[in-house]
Amino acid sequence: MNDKEMSAESSVTKDNDDPVAVTILTLLTEMEPGKTLTPETAARRFAEGRRRQNDPPELWRRYLNAVRQQAIHLARAGRIEILRKGKPVDPNDFKGVYRLRLKADG
């Protein structure tokens, strides 16, 4: 991780954040403002950091549920938005395909 990535990560993450939440927030801060992130991309990035020699290529799929749970947690805390069809949704009541983005004011 280079200095730019470390400063971006520390500007939005907190010491007690889950490692999956840190991955989500880091990826979002690396993106242009307003751009969105797929849960698959977050799961793939997180899985690559945990990969062992004998792990299957589809290891990232194991982390999709963790990404969803941390996205809900971050959205409830007001740190990110969960989008469906380009519009913010209630983190307590959504299903289907979704994307993530940083809150417009944060």
C-alpha atoms as a PDB file:
ATOM      1  CA  MET A   1       0.000   0.000   0.000  1.00  0.00           C
ATOM      2  CA  ASN A   2       1.487   3.366  -0.998  1.00  0.00           C
ATOM      3  CA  ASP A   3       1.375   6.637   0.975  1.00  0.00           C
ATOM      4  CA  LYS A   4      -1.596   8.003  -0.995  1.00  0.00           C
ATOM      5  CA  GLU A   5      -3.672   4.869  -0.315  1.00  0.00           C
ATOM      6  CA  MET A   6      -2.726   4.918   3.375  1.00  0.00           C
ATOM      7  CA  SER A   7      -3.768   8.573   3.782  1.00  0.00           C
ATOM      8  CA  ALA A   8      -7.044   8.002   1.907  1.00  0.00           C
ATOM      9  CA  GLU A   9      -7.780   4.984   4.086  1.00  0.00           C
ATOM     10  CA  SER A  10      -7.042   6.771   7.346  1.00  0.00           C
ATOM     11  CA  SER A  11      -9.188   9.763   6.381  1.00  0.00           C
ATOM     12  CA  VAL A  12     -12.409   7.716   6.210  1.00  0.00           C
ATOM     13  CA  THR A  13     -11.811   4.674   8.375  1.00  0.00           C
ATOM     14  CA  LYS A  14     -11.932   4.343  12.112  1.00  0.00           C
ATOM     15  CA  ASP A  15      -9.763   2.190  14.367  1.00  0.00           C
ATOM     16  CA  ASN A  16     -12.620  -0.158  15.229  1.00  0.00           C
ATOM     17  CA  ASP A  17     -13.835  -0.724  11.652  1.00  0.00           C
ATOM     18  CA  ASP A  18     -14.173  -4.283  10.403  1.00  0.00           C
ATOM     19  CA  PRO A  19     -11.540  -5.228   7.771  1.00  0.00           C
ATOM     20  CA  VAL A  20     -14.292  -5.674   5.168  1.00  0.00           C
ATOM     21  CA  ALA A  21     -15.622  -2.178   5.961  1.00  0.00           C
ATOM     22  CA  VAL A  22     -12.086  -0.797   5.618  1.00  0.00           C
ATOM     23  CA  THR A  23     -11.832  -2.415   2.179  1.00  0.00           C
ATOM     24  CA  ILE A  24     -15.161  -0.907   1.086  1.00  0.00           C
ATOM     25  CA  LEU A  25     -14.249   2.565   2.336  1.00  0.00           C
ATOM     26  CA  THR A  26     -10.757   2.425   0.854  1.00  0.00           C
ATOM     27  CA  LEU A  27     -12.075   1.427  -2.567  1.00  0.00           C
ATOM     28  CA  LEU A  28     -14.699   4.171  -2.465  1.00  0.00           C
ATOM     29  CA  THR A  29     -12.169   6.858  -1.545  1.00  0.00           C
ATOM     30  CA  GLU A  30      -9.929   5.757  -4.418  1.00  0.00           C
ATOM     31  CA  MET A  31     -12.788   6.398  -6.857  1.00  0.00           C
ATOM     32  CA  GLU A  32     -13.881   9.695  -8.334  1.00  0.00           C
ATOM     33  CA  PRO A  33     -16.590  11.451  -6.280  1.00  0.00           C
ATOM     34  CA  GLY A  34     -20.056  10.148  -7.122  1.00  0.00           C
ATOM     35  CA  LYS A  35     -18.804   6.912  -8.684  1.00  0.00           C
ATOM     36  CA  THR A  36     -20.206   3.628  -7.400  1.00  0.00           C
ATOM     37  CA  LEU A  37     -18.721   0.322  -6.348  1.00  0.00           C
ATOM     38  CA  THR A  38     -20.109  -3.161  -6.884  1.00  0.00           C
ATOM     39  CA  PRO A  39     -20.172  -5.584  -3.954  1.00  0.00           C
ATOM     40  CA  GLU A  40     -18.321  -8.065  -6.178  1.00  0.00           C
ATOM     41  CA  THR A  41     -15.388  -5.677  -6.577  1.00  0.00           C
ATOM     42  CA  ALA A  42     -15.150  -5.190  -2.815  1.00  0.00           C
ATOM     43  CA  ALA A  43     -15.348  -8.949  -2.201  1.00  0.00           C
ATOM     44  CA  ARG A  44     -12.677  -9.632  -4.824  1.00  0.00           C
ATOM     45  CA  ARG A  45     -10.298  -7.064  -3.335  1.00  0.00           C
ATOM     46  CA  PHE A  46     -10.830  -8.363   0.188  1.00  0.00           C
ATOM     47  CA  ALA A  47     -10.355 -11.988  -0.918  1.00  0.00           C
ATOM     48  CA  GLU A  48      -7.105 -11.187  -2.729  1.00  0.00           C
ATOM     49  CA  GLY A  49      -5.635  -9.921   0.523  1.00  0.00           C
ATOM     50  CA  ARG A  50      -6.515 -13.210   2.219  1.00  0.00           C
ATOM     51  CA  ARG A  51      -5.726 -15.668  -0.590  1.00  0.00           C
ATOM     52  CA  ARG A  52      -3.630 -18.740   0.174  1.00  0.00           C
ATOM     53  CA  GLN A  53      -1.930 -21.024  -2.307  1.00  0.00           C
ATOM     54  CA  ASN A  54      -4.650 -23.693  -2.335  1.00  0.00           C
ATOM     55  CA  ASP A  55      -7.686 -21.381  -2.349  1.00  0.00           C
ATOM     56  CA  PRO A  56     -10.117 -21.718  -5.255  1.00  0.00           C
ATOM     57  CA  PRO A  57     -10.334 -18.959  -7.890  1.00  0.00           C
ATOM     58  CA  GLU A  58     -13.857 -18.119  -6.716  1.00  0.00           C
ATOM     59  CA  LEU A  59     -12.737 -17.395  -3.140  1.00  0.00           C
ATOM     60  CA  TRP A  60     -14.255 -13.900  -3.330  1.00  0.00           C
ATOM     61  CA  ARG A  61     -17.784 -15.358  -3.361  1.00  0.00           C
ATOM     62  CA  ARG A  62     -17.325 -16.380   0.285  1.00  0.00           C
ATOM     63  CA  TYR A  63     -17.073 -12.708   1.214  1.00  0.00           C
ATOM     64  CA  LEU A  64     -20.163 -11.382  -0.592  1.00  0.00           C
ATOM     65  CA  ASN A  65     -22.356 -11.763   2.497  1.00  0.00           C
ATOM     66  CA  ALA A  66     -19.754 -10.013   4.660  1.00  0.00           C
ATOM     67  CA  VAL A  67     -19.611  -7.143   2.152  1.00  0.00           C
ATOM     68  CA  ARG A  68     -23.406  -6.839   2.254  1.00  0.00           C
ATOM     69  CA  GLN A  69     -23.488  -6.843   6.056  1.00  0.00           C
ATOM     70  CA  GLN A  70     -20.736  -4.248   6.343  1.00  0.00           C
ATOM     71  CA  ALA A  71     -22.372  -2.099   3.653  1.00  0.00           C
ATOM     72  CA  ILE A  72     -25.598  -2.136   5.668  1.00  0.00           C
ATOM     73  CA  HIS A  73     -23.663  -1.228   8.814  1.00  0.00           C
ATOM     74  CA  LEU A  74     -21.846   1.646   7.072  1.00  0.00           C
ATOM     75  CA  ALA A  75     -25.082   2.921   5.504  1.00  0.00           C
ATOM     76  CA  ARG A  76     -26.889   2.877   8.853  1.00  0.00           C
ATOM     77  CA  ALA A  77     -23.990   4.874  10.307  1.00  0.00           C
ATOM     78  CA  GLY A  78     -24.397   7.418   7.498  1.00  0.00           C
ATOM     79  CA  ARG A  79     -20.967   6.826   5.990  1.00  0.00           C
ATOM     80  CA  ILE A  80     -22.036   5.381   2.618  1.00  0.00           C
ATOM     81  CA  GLU A  81     -25.166   5.010   0.510  1.00  0.00           C
ATOM     82  CA  ILE A  82     -26.627   1.823  -0.901  1.00  0.00           C
ATOM     83  CA  LEU A  83     -28.100   2.355  -4.363  1.00  0.00           C
ATOM     84  CA  ARG A  84     -30.630   0.428  -6.428  1.00  0.00           C
ATOM     85  CA  LYS A  85     -31.264   1.623  -9.960  1.00  0.00           C
ATOM     86  CA  GLY A  86     -29.132   4.676  -9.174  1.00  0.00           C
ATOM     87  CA  LYS A  87     -31.212   5.834  -6.202  1.00  0.00           C
ATOM     88  CA  PRO A  88     -30.439   5.562  -2.470  1.00  0.00           C
ATOM     89  CA  VAL A  89     -32.415   2.891  -0.641  1.00  0.00           C
ATOM     90  CA  ASP A  90     -33.192   2.134   2.977  1.00  0.00           C
ATOM     91  CA  PRO A  91     -30.353  -0.092   4.251  1.00  0.00           C
ATOM     92  CA  ASN A  92     -32.875  -1.963   6.410  1.00  0.00           C
ATOM     93  CA  ASP A  93     -35.125  -2.925   3.507  1.00  0.00           C
ATOM     94  CA  PHE A  94     -33.571  -3.639   0.112  1.00  0.00           C
ATOM     95  CA  LYS A  95     -32.948  -6.675  -2.025  1.00  0.00           C
ATOM     96  CA  GLY A  96     -31.501  -7.523  -5.370  1.00  0.00           C
ATOM     97  CA  VAL A  97     -28.652  -5.912  -7.252  1.00  0.00           C
ATOM     98  CA  TYR A  98     -27.105  -2.913  -5.496  1.00  0.00           C
ATOM     99  CA  ARG A  99     -24.115  -0.596  -5.634  1.00  0.00           C
ATOM    100  CA  LEU A 100     -22.266   1.480  -3.036  1.00  0.00           C
ATOM    101  CA  ARG A 101     -21.027   5.059  -2.956  1.00  0.00           C
ATOM    102  CA  LEU A 102     -19.731   7.518  -0.390  1.00  0.00           C
ATOM    103  CA  LYS A 103     -22.294   9.896   1.056  1.00  0.00           C
ATOM    104  CA  ALA A 104     -22.421  13.102  -0.961  1.00  0.00           C
ATOM    105  CA  ASP A 105     -21.678  15.203   2.135  1.00  0.00           C
ATOM    106  CA  GLY A 106     -18.855  12.926   3.339  1.00  0.00           C
END
